[in-house]
């Protein structure tokens, strides 16, 4: 998923967020060794985490194999379902939109990626941000609602998403 390319290219997601993306099949595995290095710097530790941090960004098969054990060393459980993983990612996106300056259209694009990775599950589509899936098309043509209305709808959905947690 390209959702990590927000305004700050140096964004380091939490291990919990990476666990959710991993469950959805959307974790950018080539970035995980770099993130693991940062997790070590902020105080997480473990042999597998150190091994992961030392991996090359092209060694994605090894990263995929090591990541669950590294997360376990940090006491981070993989979400049990795609819906739980999507809810965690959506919570993060909502926070990014409402407090960290992520653009509304950027959020909608990431929502579409999550929904796709979750197999367009009705449970994921039923989440507050899941309801936004597909509205990115409205930004393209002149036939949809005004952009200001689209932005307001995204921000409202983000507020509801945050209230559910």
C-alpha atoms as a PDB file:
ATOM      1  CA  UNK A   1       0.000   0.000   0.000  1.00  0.00           C
ATOM      2  CA  UNK A   2       1.203   3.450  -0.761  1.00  0.00           C
ATOM      3  CA  UNK A   3      -0.662   5.019   2.161  1.00  0.00           C
ATOM      4  CA  UNK A   4       2.639   5.656   3.975  1.00  0.00           C
ATOM      5  CA  UNK A   5       3.657   8.291   1.412  1.00  0.00           C
ATOM      6  CA  UNK A   6       1.936  11.151   3.212  1.00  0.00           C
ATOM      7  CA  UNK A   7       3.260  14.652   3.560  1.00  0.00           C
ATOM      8  CA  UNK A   8       6.217  13.410   5.595  1.00  0.00           C
ATOM      9  CA  UNK A   9       8.194  10.860   3.565  1.00  0.00           C
ATOM     10  CA  UNK A  10      10.060   9.920   6.744  1.00  0.00           C
ATOM     11  CA  UNK A  11       6.943   8.622   8.491  1.00  0.00           C
ATOM     12  CA  UNK A  12       7.665   5.608  10.705  1.00  0.00           C
ATOM     13  CA  UNK A  13       4.466   3.701  11.520  1.00  0.00           C
ATOM     14  CA  UNK A  14       3.923   2.015  14.841  1.00  0.00           C
ATOM     15  CA  UNK A  15       4.502  -1.733  15.056  1.00  0.00           C
ATOM     16  CA  UNK A  16       0.731  -2.105  15.604  1.00  0.00           C
ATOM     17  CA  UNK A  17      -0.031  -0.334  12.348  1.00  0.00           C
ATOM     18  CA  UNK A  18       2.498  -2.456  10.465  1.00  0.00           C
ATOM     19  CA  UNK A  19       0.920  -5.587  11.981  1.00  0.00           C
ATOM     20  CA  UNK A  20      -2.471  -4.510  10.633  1.00  0.00           C
ATOM     21  CA  UNK A  21      -1.051  -3.771   7.188  1.00  0.00           C
ATOM     22  CA  UNK A  22       0.710  -7.148   7.212  1.00  0.00           C
ATOM     23  CA  UNK A  23      -2.567  -8.951   7.946  1.00  0.00           C
ATOM     24  CA  UNK A  24      -4.181  -7.076   5.050  1.00  0.00           C
ATOM     25  CA  UNK A  25      -1.325  -8.061   2.741  1.00  0.00           C
ATOM     26  CA  UNK A  26      -0.456  -4.430   2.197  1.00  0.00           C
ATOM     27  CA  UNK A  27       2.628  -3.851   4.329  1.00  0.00           C
ATOM     28  CA  UNK A  28       5.410  -2.345   2.214  1.00  0.00           C
ATOM     29  CA  UNK A  29       7.919  -5.022   3.211  1.00  0.00           C
ATOM     30  CA  UNK A  30      10.830  -3.208   1.574  1.00  0.00           C
ATOM     31  CA  UNK A  31      10.386  -0.419   4.172  1.00  0.00           C
ATOM     32  CA  UNK A  32      10.142  -2.684   7.234  1.00  0.00           C
ATOM     33  CA  UNK A  33      13.918  -3.031   7.882  1.00  0.00           C
ATOM     34  CA  UNK A  34      14.224   0.763   8.024  1.00  0.00           C
ATOM     35  CA  UNK A  35      11.246   0.977  10.374  1.00  0.00           C
ATOM     36  CA  UNK A  36      12.671  -1.834  12.527  1.00  0.00           C
ATOM     37  CA  UNK A  37      15.830   0.233  12.957  1.00  0.00           C
ATOM     38  CA  UNK A  38      13.726   3.126  14.232  1.00  0.00           C
ATOM     39  CA  UNK A  39      11.805   0.837  16.575  1.00  0.00           C
ATOM     40  CA  UNK A  40      15.136  -0.275  18.056  1.00  0.00           C
ATOM     41  CA  UNK A  41      16.188   3.358  18.516  1.00  0.00           C
ATOM     42  CA  UNK A  42      13.019   4.185  20.467  1.00  0.00           C
ATOM     43  CA  UNK A  43      13.556   1.290  22.851  1.00  0.00           C
ATOM     44  CA  UNK A  44      12.087  -1.881  21.409  1.00  0.00           C
ATOM     45  CA  UNK A  45      14.513  -4.791  21.401  1.00  0.00           C
ATOM     46  CA  UNK A  46      14.801  -8.419  20.467  1.00  0.00           C
ATOM     47  CA  UNK A  47      17.019 -10.716  18.463  1.00  0.00           C
ATOM     48  CA  UNK A  48      14.547 -11.104  15.605  1.00  0.00           C
ATOM     49  CA  UNK A  49      13.909  -7.350  15.532  1.00  0.00           C
ATOM     50  CA  UNK A  50      17.665  -6.724  15.279  1.00  0.00           C
ATOM     51  CA  UNK A  51      17.880  -9.307  12.484  1.00  0.00           C
ATOM     52  CA  UNK A  52      14.982  -7.610  10.705  1.00  0.00           C
ATOM     53  CA  UNK A  53      16.626  -4.191  11.036  1.00  0.00           C
ATOM     54  CA  UNK A  54      19.767  -5.557   9.415  1.00  0.00           C
ATOM     55  CA  UNK A  55      17.977  -6.857   6.332  1.00  0.00           C
ATOM     56  CA  UNK A  56      18.298  -5.345   2.895  1.00  0.00           C
ATOM     57  CA  UNK A  57      15.234  -3.684   1.398  1.00  0.00           C
ATOM     58  CA  UNK A  58      15.256  -6.248  -1.418  1.00  0.00           C
ATOM     59  CA  UNK A  59      15.007  -9.229   0.954  1.00  0.00           C
ATOM     60  CA  UNK A  60      11.213  -9.055   1.216  1.00  0.00           C
ATOM     61  CA  UNK A  61      10.735 -12.831   1.554  1.00  0.00           C
ATOM     62  CA  UNK A  62      12.906 -12.910   4.680  1.00  0.00           C
ATOM     63  CA  UNK A  63      11.202  -9.772   5.993  1.00  0.00           C
ATOM     64  CA  UNK A  64       7.783 -11.406   5.567  1.00  0.00           C
ATOM     65  CA  UNK A  65       9.027 -14.466   7.420  1.00  0.00           C
ATOM     66  CA  UNK A  66      10.633 -12.504  10.278  1.00  0.00           C
ATOM     67  CA  UNK A  67       8.035  -9.787  10.790  1.00  0.00           C
ATOM     68  CA  UNK A  68       5.487 -11.780  12.860  1.00  0.00           C
ATOM     69  CA  UNK A  69       8.197 -12.925  15.295  1.00  0.00           C
ATOM     70  CA  UNK A  70       9.662  -9.414  15.531  1.00  0.00           C
ATOM     71  CA  UNK A  71       6.209  -8.027  16.288  1.00  0.00           C
ATOM     72  CA  UNK A  72       5.726 -10.705  18.955  1.00  0.00           C
ATOM     73  CA  UNK A  73       9.036  -9.646  20.550  1.00  0.00           C
ATOM     74  CA  UNK A  74       7.531  -6.167  20.857  1.00  0.00           C
ATOM     75  CA  UNK A  75       4.333  -7.650  22.383  1.00  0.00           C
ATOM     76  CA  UNK A  76       2.348  -6.735  19.271  1.00  0.00           C
ATOM     77  CA  UNK A  77      -0.238  -9.276  18.188  1.00  0.00           C
ATOM     78  CA  UNK A  78      -1.363  -9.583  14.605  1.00  0.00           C
ATOM     79  CA  UNK A  79      -5.030  -8.555  14.286  1.00  0.00           C
ATOM     80  CA  UNK A  80      -7.164 -11.697  14.194  1.00  0.00           C
ATOM     81  CA  UNK A  81      -9.272 -10.646  11.214  1.00  0.00           C
ATOM     82  CA  UNK A  82      -9.086  -8.401   8.183  1.00  0.00           C
ATOM     83  CA  UNK A  83     -11.883  -6.317   9.717  1.00  0.00           C
ATOM     84  CA  UNK A  84      -9.878  -5.756  12.905  1.00  0.00           C
ATOM     85  CA  UNK A  85      -6.821  -4.866  10.823  1.00  0.00           C
ATOM     86  CA  UNK A  86      -8.833  -2.470   8.646  1.00  0.00           C
ATOM     87  CA  UNK A  87     -10.342  -0.793  11.722  1.00  0.00           C
ATOM     88  CA  UNK A  88      -6.859  -0.180  13.103  1.00  0.00           C
ATOM     89  CA  UNK A  89      -5.622   1.266   9.794  1.00  0.00           C
ATOM     90  CA  UNK A  90      -8.774   3.383   9.449  1.00  0.00           C
ATOM     91  CA  UNK A  91      -8.272   4.752  12.968  1.00  0.00           C
ATOM     92  CA  UNK A  92      -4.754   5.777  12.007  1.00  0.00           C
ATOM     93  CA  UNK A  93      -5.943   7.392   8.763  1.00  0.00           C
ATOM     94  CA  UNK A  94      -8.675   9.298  10.601  1.00  0.00           C
ATOM     95  CA  UNK A  95      -6.145  10.623  13.113  1.00  0.00           C
ATOM     96  CA  UNK A  96      -3.824  11.614  10.263  1.00  0.00           C
ATOM     97  CA  UNK A  97      -6.623  13.473   8.514  1.00  0.00           C
ATOM     98  CA  UNK A  98      -7.982  15.315  11.541  1.00  0.00           C
ATOM     99  CA  UNK A  99      -4.778  16.124  13.372  1.00  0.00           C
ATOM    100  CA  UNK A 100      -1.724  15.606  11.212  1.00  0.00           C
ATOM    101  CA  UNK A 101      -2.734  17.281   7.992  1.00  0.00           C
ATOM    102  CA  UNK A 102      -3.243  14.315   5.677  1.00  0.00           C
ATOM    103  CA  UNK A 103      -5.446  15.413   2.808  1.00  0.00           C
ATOM    104  CA  UNK A 104      -8.971  14.105   2.494  1.00  0.00           C
ATOM    105  CA  UNK A 105      -8.460  12.748  -1.010  1.00  0.00           C
ATOM    106  CA  UNK A 106      -5.264  10.992   0.108  1.00  0.00           C
ATOM    107  CA  UNK A 107      -7.261   9.362   2.922  1.00  0.00           C
ATOM    108  CA  UNK A 108      -9.946   8.194   0.469  1.00  0.00           C
ATOM    109  CA  UNK A 109      -7.304   6.611  -1.756  1.00  0.00           C
ATOM    110  CA  UNK A 110      -5.825   4.754   1.214  1.00  0.00           C
ATOM    111  CA  UNK A 111      -9.328   3.650   2.259  1.00  0.00           C
ATOM    112  CA  UNK A 112      -9.846   2.186  -1.215  1.00  0.00           C
ATOM    113  CA  UNK A 113      -6.554   0.283  -0.896  1.00  0.00           C
ATOM    114  CA  UNK A 114      -7.545  -1.138   2.498  1.00  0.00           C
ATOM    115  CA  UNK A 115     -10.993  -2.136   1.228  1.00  0.00           C
ATOM    116  CA  UNK A 116      -9.420  -3.853  -1.780  1.00  0.00           C
ATOM    117  CA  UNK A 117      -6.877  -5.704   0.379  1.00  0.00           C
ATOM    118  CA  UNK A 118      -9.733  -6.810   2.648  1.00  0.00           C
ATOM    119  CA  UNK A 119     -11.558  -8.328  -0.336  1.00  0.00           C
ATOM    120  CA  UNK A 120     -14.291  -5.662  -0.282  1.00  0.00           C
ATOM    121  CA  UNK A 121     -15.602  -7.337   2.856  1.00  0.00           C
ATOM    122  CA  UNK A 122     -19.049  -6.058   3.911  1.00  0.00           C
ATOM    123  CA  UNK A 123     -17.734  -5.722   7.466  1.00  0.00           C
ATOM    124  CA  UNK A 124     -14.905  -3.445   6.315  1.00  0.00           C
ATOM    125  CA  UNK A 125     -17.214  -1.478   4.021  1.00  0.00           C
ATOM    126  CA  UNK A 126     -19.507  -1.032   7.032  1.00  0.00           C
ATOM    127  CA  UNK A 127     -16.848   0.806   9.036  1.00  0.00           C
ATOM    128  CA  UNK A 128     -17.185   4.612   9.022  1.00  0.00           C
ATOM    129  CA  UNK A 129     -14.228   5.101   6.682  1.00  0.00           C
ATOM    130  CA  UNK A 130     -15.256   2.032   4.683  1.00  0.00           C
ATOM    131  CA  UNK A 131     -18.340   3.974   3.603  1.00  0.00           C
ATOM    132  CA  UNK A 132     -15.995   6.312   1.706  1.00  0.00           C
ATOM    133  CA  UNK A 133     -14.826   3.574  -0.636  1.00  0.00           C
ATOM    134  CA  UNK A 134     -15.330   4.626  -4.232  1.00  0.00           C
ATOM    135  CA  UNK A 135     -15.866   8.343  -3.702  1.00  0.00           C
ATOM    136  CA  UNK A 136     -12.432   9.143  -5.115  1.00  0.00           C
ATOM    137  CA  UNK A 137     -14.072   9.063  -8.547  1.00  0.00           C
ATOM    138  CA  UNK A 138     -16.192  12.074  -7.565  1.00  0.00           C
ATOM    139  CA  UNK A 139     -13.044  14.210  -7.389  1.00  0.00           C
ATOM    140  CA  UNK A 140     -12.385  13.588 -11.106  1.00  0.00           C
ATOM    141  CA  UNK A 141     -15.526  14.608 -12.889  1.00  0.00           C
ATOM    142  CA  UNK A 142     -17.746  17.608 -12.631  1.00  0.00           C
ATOM    143  CA  UNK A 143     -20.844  15.501 -12.045  1.00  0.00           C
ATOM    144  CA  UNK A 144     -20.283  14.757  -8.351  1.00  0.00           C
ATOM    145  CA  UNK A 145     -20.697  16.882  -5.254  1.00  0.00           C
ATOM    146  CA  UNK A 146     -18.511  19.963  -4.843  1.00  0.00           C
ATOM    147  CA  UNK A 147     -15.007  19.229  -3.553  1.00  0.00           C
ATOM    148  CA  UNK A 148     -15.768  21.130  -0.340  1.00  0.00           C
ATOM    149  CA  UNK A 149     -18.654  18.723   0.328  1.00  0.00           C
ATOM    150  CA  UNK A 150     -16.431  15.706  -0.365  1.00  0.00           C
ATOM    151  CA  UNK A 151     -13.817  17.012   2.056  1.00  0.00           C
ATOM    152  CA  UNK A 152     -16.463  17.620   4.707  1.00  0.00           C
ATOM    153  CA  UNK A 153     -17.826  14.082   4.244  1.00  0.00           C
ATOM    154  CA  UNK A 154     -14.350  12.599   4.695  1.00  0.00           C
ATOM    155  CA  UNK A 155     -13.698  14.646   7.824  1.00  0.00           C
ATOM    156  CA  UNK A 156     -17.094  13.667   9.262  1.00  0.00           C
ATOM    157  CA  UNK A 157     -16.400   9.972   8.598  1.00  0.00           C
ATOM    158  CA  UNK A 158     -12.993  10.369  10.246  1.00  0.00           C
ATOM    159  CA  UNK A 159     -14.611  11.840  13.358  1.00  0.00           C
ATOM    160  CA  UNK A 160     -17.055   8.923  13.558  1.00  0.00           C
ATOM    161  CA  UNK A 161     -14.219   6.416  13.015  1.00  0.00           C
ATOM    162  CA  UNK A 162     -12.250   7.916  15.903  1.00  0.00           C
ATOM    163  CA  UNK A 163     -15.310   7.932  18.171  1.00  0.00           C
ATOM    164  CA  UNK A 164     -15.743   4.169  17.714  1.00  0.00           C
ATOM    165  CA  UNK A 165     -12.479   3.249  19.340  1.00  0.00           C
END
